[in-house]
Amino acid sequence: MHGDVDVATLNALTGTRLAENLPRIDSVTISPDVLTGLLTRLGTRE
């Protein structure tokens, strides 16, 4: 059933389902090191 679906689509659906079942988070603190790593990964094309 899921074999015909793109991996990016499955990841998005998984993230959505996970977010629906998590408790409410009022705030998140992201350190500069974590932010730099995330931005680097977003800027890198595979």
PDB file of N, CA and C in Angstrom:
ATOM      1  N   MET A   1       0.821  -1.197   0.000  1.00  0.00           N
ATOM      2  CA  MET A   1       0.000   0.000   0.000  1.00  0.00           C
ATOM      3  C   MET A   1       0.863   1.258   0.000  1.00  0.00           C
ATOM      4  N   HIS A   2       1.876   1.310   0.849  1.00  0.00           N
ATOM      5  CA  HIS A   2       2.712   2.502   0.944  1.00  0.00           C
ATOM      6  C   HIS A   2       3.897   2.446  -0.015  1.00  0.00           C
ATOM      7  N   GLY A   3       4.074   1.330  -0.704  1.00  0.00           N
ATOM      8  CA  GLY A   3       5.214   1.173  -1.599  1.00  0.00           C
ATOM      9  C   GLY A   3       5.196   2.104  -2.788  1.00  0.00           C
ATOM     10  N   ASP A   4       4.019   2.588  -3.181  1.00  0.00           N
ATOM     11  CA  ASP A   4       3.895   3.462  -4.345  1.00  0.00           C
ATOM     12  C   ASP A   4       3.974   4.942  -3.988  1.00  0.00           C
ATOM     13  N   VAL A   5       4.118   5.247  -2.702  1.00  0.00           N
ATOM     14  CA  VAL A   5       4.122   6.647  -2.243  1.00  0.00           C
ATOM     15  C   VAL A   5       5.563   7.133  -2.086  1.00  0.00           C
ATOM     16  N   ASP A   6       5.808   8.367  -2.490  1.00  0.00           N
ATOM     17  CA  ASP A   6       7.124   8.992  -2.375  1.00  0.00           C
ATOM     18  C   ASP A   6       7.555   9.067  -0.905  1.00  0.00           C
ATOM     19  N   VAL A   7       8.838   8.863  -0.657  1.00  0.00           N
ATOM     20  CA  VAL A   7       9.368   8.880   0.713  1.00  0.00           C
ATOM     21  C   VAL A   7       9.122  10.233   1.377  1.00  0.00           C
ATOM     22  N   ALA A   8       9.283  11.324   0.647  1.00  0.00           N
ATOM     23  CA  ALA A   8       9.053  12.657   1.224  1.00  0.00           C
ATOM     24  C   ALA A   8       7.600  12.812   1.683  1.00  0.00           C
ATOM     25  N   THR A   9       6.677  12.248   0.927  1.00  0.00           N
ATOM     26  CA  THR A   9       5.265  12.305   1.302  1.00  0.00           C
ATOM     27  C   THR A   9       5.007  11.503   2.566  1.00  0.00           C
ATOM     28  N   LEU A  10       5.603  10.316   2.647  1.00  0.00           N
ATOM     29  CA  LEU A  10       5.457   9.505   3.854  1.00  0.00           C
ATOM     30  C   LEU A  10       6.040  10.207   5.068  1.00  0.00           C
ATOM     31  N   ASN A  11       7.190  10.855   4.894  1.00  0.00           N
ATOM     32  CA  ASN A  11       7.802  11.596   6.000  1.00  0.00           C
ATOM     33  C   ASN A  11       6.899  12.737   6.452  1.00  0.00           C
ATOM     34  N   ALA A  12       6.311  13.444   5.516  1.00  0.00           N
ATOM     35  CA  ALA A  12       5.413  14.553   5.864  1.00  0.00           C
ATOM     36  C   ALA A  12       4.188  14.044   6.611  1.00  0.00           C
ATOM     37  N   LEU A  13       3.618  12.936   6.136  1.00  0.00           N
ATOM     38  CA  LEU A  13       2.450  12.371   6.811  1.00  0.00           C
ATOM     39  C   LEU A  13       2.800  11.879   8.214  1.00  0.00           C
ATOM     40  N   THR A  14       3.972  11.282   8.344  1.00  0.00           N
ATOM     41  CA  THR A  14       4.421  10.813   9.653  1.00  0.00           C
ATOM     42  C   THR A  14       4.582  11.993  10.611  1.00  0.00           C
ATOM     43  N   GLY A  15       5.196  13.065  10.135  1.00  0.00           N
ATOM     44  CA  GLY A  15       5.367  14.253  10.970  1.00  0.00           C
ATOM     45  C   GLY A  15       4.042  14.854  11.387  1.00  0.00           C
ATOM     46  N   THR A  16       3.092  14.861  10.467  1.00  0.00           N
ATOM     47  CA  THR A  16       1.759  15.393  10.773  1.00  0.00           C
ATOM     48  C   THR A  16       1.064  14.551  11.833  1.00  0.00           C
ATOM     49  N   ARG A  17       1.112  13.236  11.668  1.00  0.00           N
ATOM     50  CA  ARG A  17       0.479  12.337  12.646  1.00  0.00           C
ATOM     51  C   ARG A  17       1.146  12.465  14.008  1.00  0.00           C
ATOM     52  N   LEU A  18       2.464  12.569  14.009  1.00  0.00           N
ATOM     53  CA  LEU A  18       3.189  12.725  15.262  1.00  0.00           C
ATOM     54  C   LEU A  18       2.778  14.019  15.956  1.00  0.00           C
ATOM     55  N   ALA A  19       2.717  15.106  15.198  1.00  0.00           N
ATOM     56  CA  ALA A  19       2.348  16.405  15.761  1.00  0.00           C
ATOM     57  C   ALA A  19       0.925  16.396  16.318  1.00  0.00           C
ATOM     58  N   GLU A  20       0.036  15.653  15.676  1.00  0.00           N
ATOM     59  CA  GLU A  20      -1.346  15.579  16.156  1.00  0.00           C
ATOM     60  C   GLU A  20      -1.449  14.901  17.513  1.00  0.00           C
ATOM     61  N   ASN A  21      -0.497  14.047  17.837  1.00  0.00           N
ATOM     62  CA  ASN A  21      -0.579  13.260  19.064  1.00  0.00           C
ATOM     63  C   ASN A  21       0.373  13.705  20.164  1.00  0.00           C
ATOM     64  N   LEU A  22       1.127  14.745  19.925  1.00  0.00           N
ATOM     65  CA  LEU A  22       2.024  15.278  20.946  1.00  0.00           C
ATOM     66  C   LEU A  22       1.276  16.254  21.845  1.00  0.00           C
ATOM     67  N   PRO A  23       1.713  16.376  23.093  1.00  0.00           N
ATOM     68  CA  PRO A  23       1.106  17.401  23.946  1.00  0.00           C
ATOM     69  C   PRO A  23       1.474  18.804  23.440  1.00  0.00           C
ATOM     70  N   ARG A  24       0.693  19.768  23.840  1.00  0.00           N
ATOM     71  CA  ARG A  24       0.950  21.145  23.411  1.00  0.00           C
ATOM     72  C   ARG A  24       2.289  21.631  23.943  1.00  0.00           C
ATOM     73  N   ILE A  25       3.053  22.286  23.092  1.00  0.00           N
ATOM     74  CA  ILE A  25       4.343  22.861  23.473  1.00  0.00           C
ATOM     75  C   ILE A  25       4.198  24.372  23.349  1.00  0.00           C
ATOM     76  N   ASP A  26       4.391  25.077  24.460  1.00  0.00           N
ATOM     77  CA  ASP A  26       4.211  26.526  24.447  1.00  0.00           C
ATOM     78  C   ASP A  26       5.395  27.262  23.843  1.00  0.00           C
ATOM     79  N   SER A  27       6.598  26.744  24.052  1.00  0.00           N
ATOM     80  CA  SER A  27       7.768  27.414  23.479  1.00  0.00           C
ATOM     81  C   SER A  27       8.905  26.410  23.289  1.00  0.00           C
ATOM     82  N   VAL A  28       9.787  26.740  22.368  1.00  0.00           N
ATOM     83  CA  VAL A  28      10.951  25.902  22.074  1.00  0.00           C
ATOM     84  C   VAL A  28      12.161  26.819  22.013  1.00  0.00           C
ATOM     85  N   THR A  29      13.231  26.413  22.659  1.00  0.00           N
ATOM     86  CA  THR A  29      14.478  27.162  22.599  1.00  0.00           C
ATOM     87  C   THR A  29      15.466  26.384  21.737  1.00  0.00           C
ATOM     88  N   ILE A  30      15.975  27.031  20.708  1.00  0.00           N
ATOM     89  CA  ILE A  30      16.937  26.398  19.805  1.00  0.00           C
ATOM     90  C   ILE A  30      18.272  27.114  19.966  1.00  0.00           C
ATOM     91  N   SER A  31      19.294  26.352  20.320  1.00  0.00           N
ATOM     92  CA  SER A  31      20.620  26.947  20.505  1.00  0.00           C
ATOM     93  C   SER A  31      21.219  27.295  19.138  1.00  0.00           C
ATOM     94  N   PRO A  32      22.161  28.225  19.113  1.00  0.00           N
ATOM     95  CA  PRO A  32      22.802  28.588  17.842  1.00  0.00           C
ATOM     96  C   PRO A  32      23.445  27.388  17.140  1.00  0.00           C
ATOM     97  N   ASP A  33      24.010  26.456  17.900  1.00  0.00           N
ATOM     98  CA  ASP A  33      24.633  25.276  17.292  1.00  0.00           C
ATOM     99  C   ASP A  33      23.599  24.427  16.559  1.00  0.00           C
ATOM    100  N   VAL A  34      22.466  24.224  17.171  1.00  0.00           N
ATOM    101  CA  VAL A  34      21.408  23.427  16.550  1.00  0.00           C
ATOM    102  C   VAL A  34      20.862  24.146  15.320  1.00  0.00           C
ATOM    103  N   LEU A  35      20.638  25.443  15.428  1.00  0.00           N
ATOM    104  CA  LEU A  35      20.116  26.216  14.307  1.00  0.00           C
ATOM    105  C   LEU A  35      21.077  26.190  13.129  1.00  0.00           C
ATOM    106  N   THR A  36      22.351  26.347  13.394  1.00  0.00           N
ATOM    107  CA  THR A  36      23.354  26.302  12.325  1.00  0.00           C
ATOM    108  C   THR A  36      23.332  24.949  11.626  1.00  0.00           C
ATOM    109  N   GLY A  37      23.246  23.880  12.398  1.00  0.00           N
ATOM    110  CA  GLY A  37      23.187  22.543  11.816  1.00  0.00           C
ATOM    111  C   GLY A  37      21.952  22.344  10.957  1.00  0.00           C
ATOM    112  N   LEU A  38      20.812  22.816  11.443  1.00  0.00           N
ATOM    113  CA  LEU A  38      19.572  22.689  10.671  1.00  0.00           C
ATOM    114  C   LEU A  38      19.636  23.476   9.370  1.00  0.00           C
ATOM    115  N   LEU A  39      20.137  24.696   9.453  1.00  0.00           N
ATOM    116  CA  LEU A  39      20.233  25.517   8.246  1.00  0.00           C
ATOM    117  C   LEU A  39      21.213  24.921   7.239  1.00  0.00           C
ATOM    118  N   THR A  40      22.285  24.335   7.736  1.00  0.00           N
ATOM    119  CA  THR A  40      23.254  23.689   6.851  1.00  0.00           C
ATOM    120  C   THR A  40      22.609  22.508   6.132  1.00  0.00           C
ATOM    121  N   ARG A  41      21.848  21.720   6.875  1.00  0.00           N
ATOM    122  CA  ARG A  41      21.179  20.551   6.265  1.00  0.00           C
ATOM    123  C   ARG A  41      20.115  20.993   5.261  1.00  0.00           C
ATOM    124  N   LEU A  42      19.413  22.065   5.554  1.00  0.00           N
ATOM    125  CA  LEU A  42      18.391  22.552   4.620  1.00  0.00           C
ATOM    126  C   LEU A  42      19.022  23.100   3.346  1.00  0.00           C
ATOM    127  N   GLY A  43      20.194  23.681   3.466  1.00  0.00           N
ATOM    128  CA  GLY A  43      20.865  24.270   2.321  1.00  0.00           C
ATOM    129  C   GLY A  43      21.627  23.271   1.465  1.00  0.00           C
ATOM    130  N   THR A  44      21.754  22.049   1.947  1.00  0.00           N
ATOM    131  CA  THR A  44      22.499  21.022   1.214  1.00  0.00           C
ATOM    132  C   THR A  44      21.539  20.184   0.397  1.00  0.00           C
ATOM    133  N   ARG A  45      21.807  20.127  -0.893  1.00  0.00           N
ATOM    134  CA  ARG A  45      20.970  19.296  -1.766  1.00  0.00           C
ATOM    135  C   ARG A  45      21.609  17.942  -1.916  1.00  0.00           C
ATOM    136  N   GLU A  46      20.768  16.917  -1.873  1.00  0.00           N
ATOM    137  CA  GLU A  46      21.276  15.540  -2.033  1.00  0.00           C
ATOM    138  C   GLU A  46      21.038  15.054  -3.430  1.00  0.00           C
TER     139      GLU A  46
END
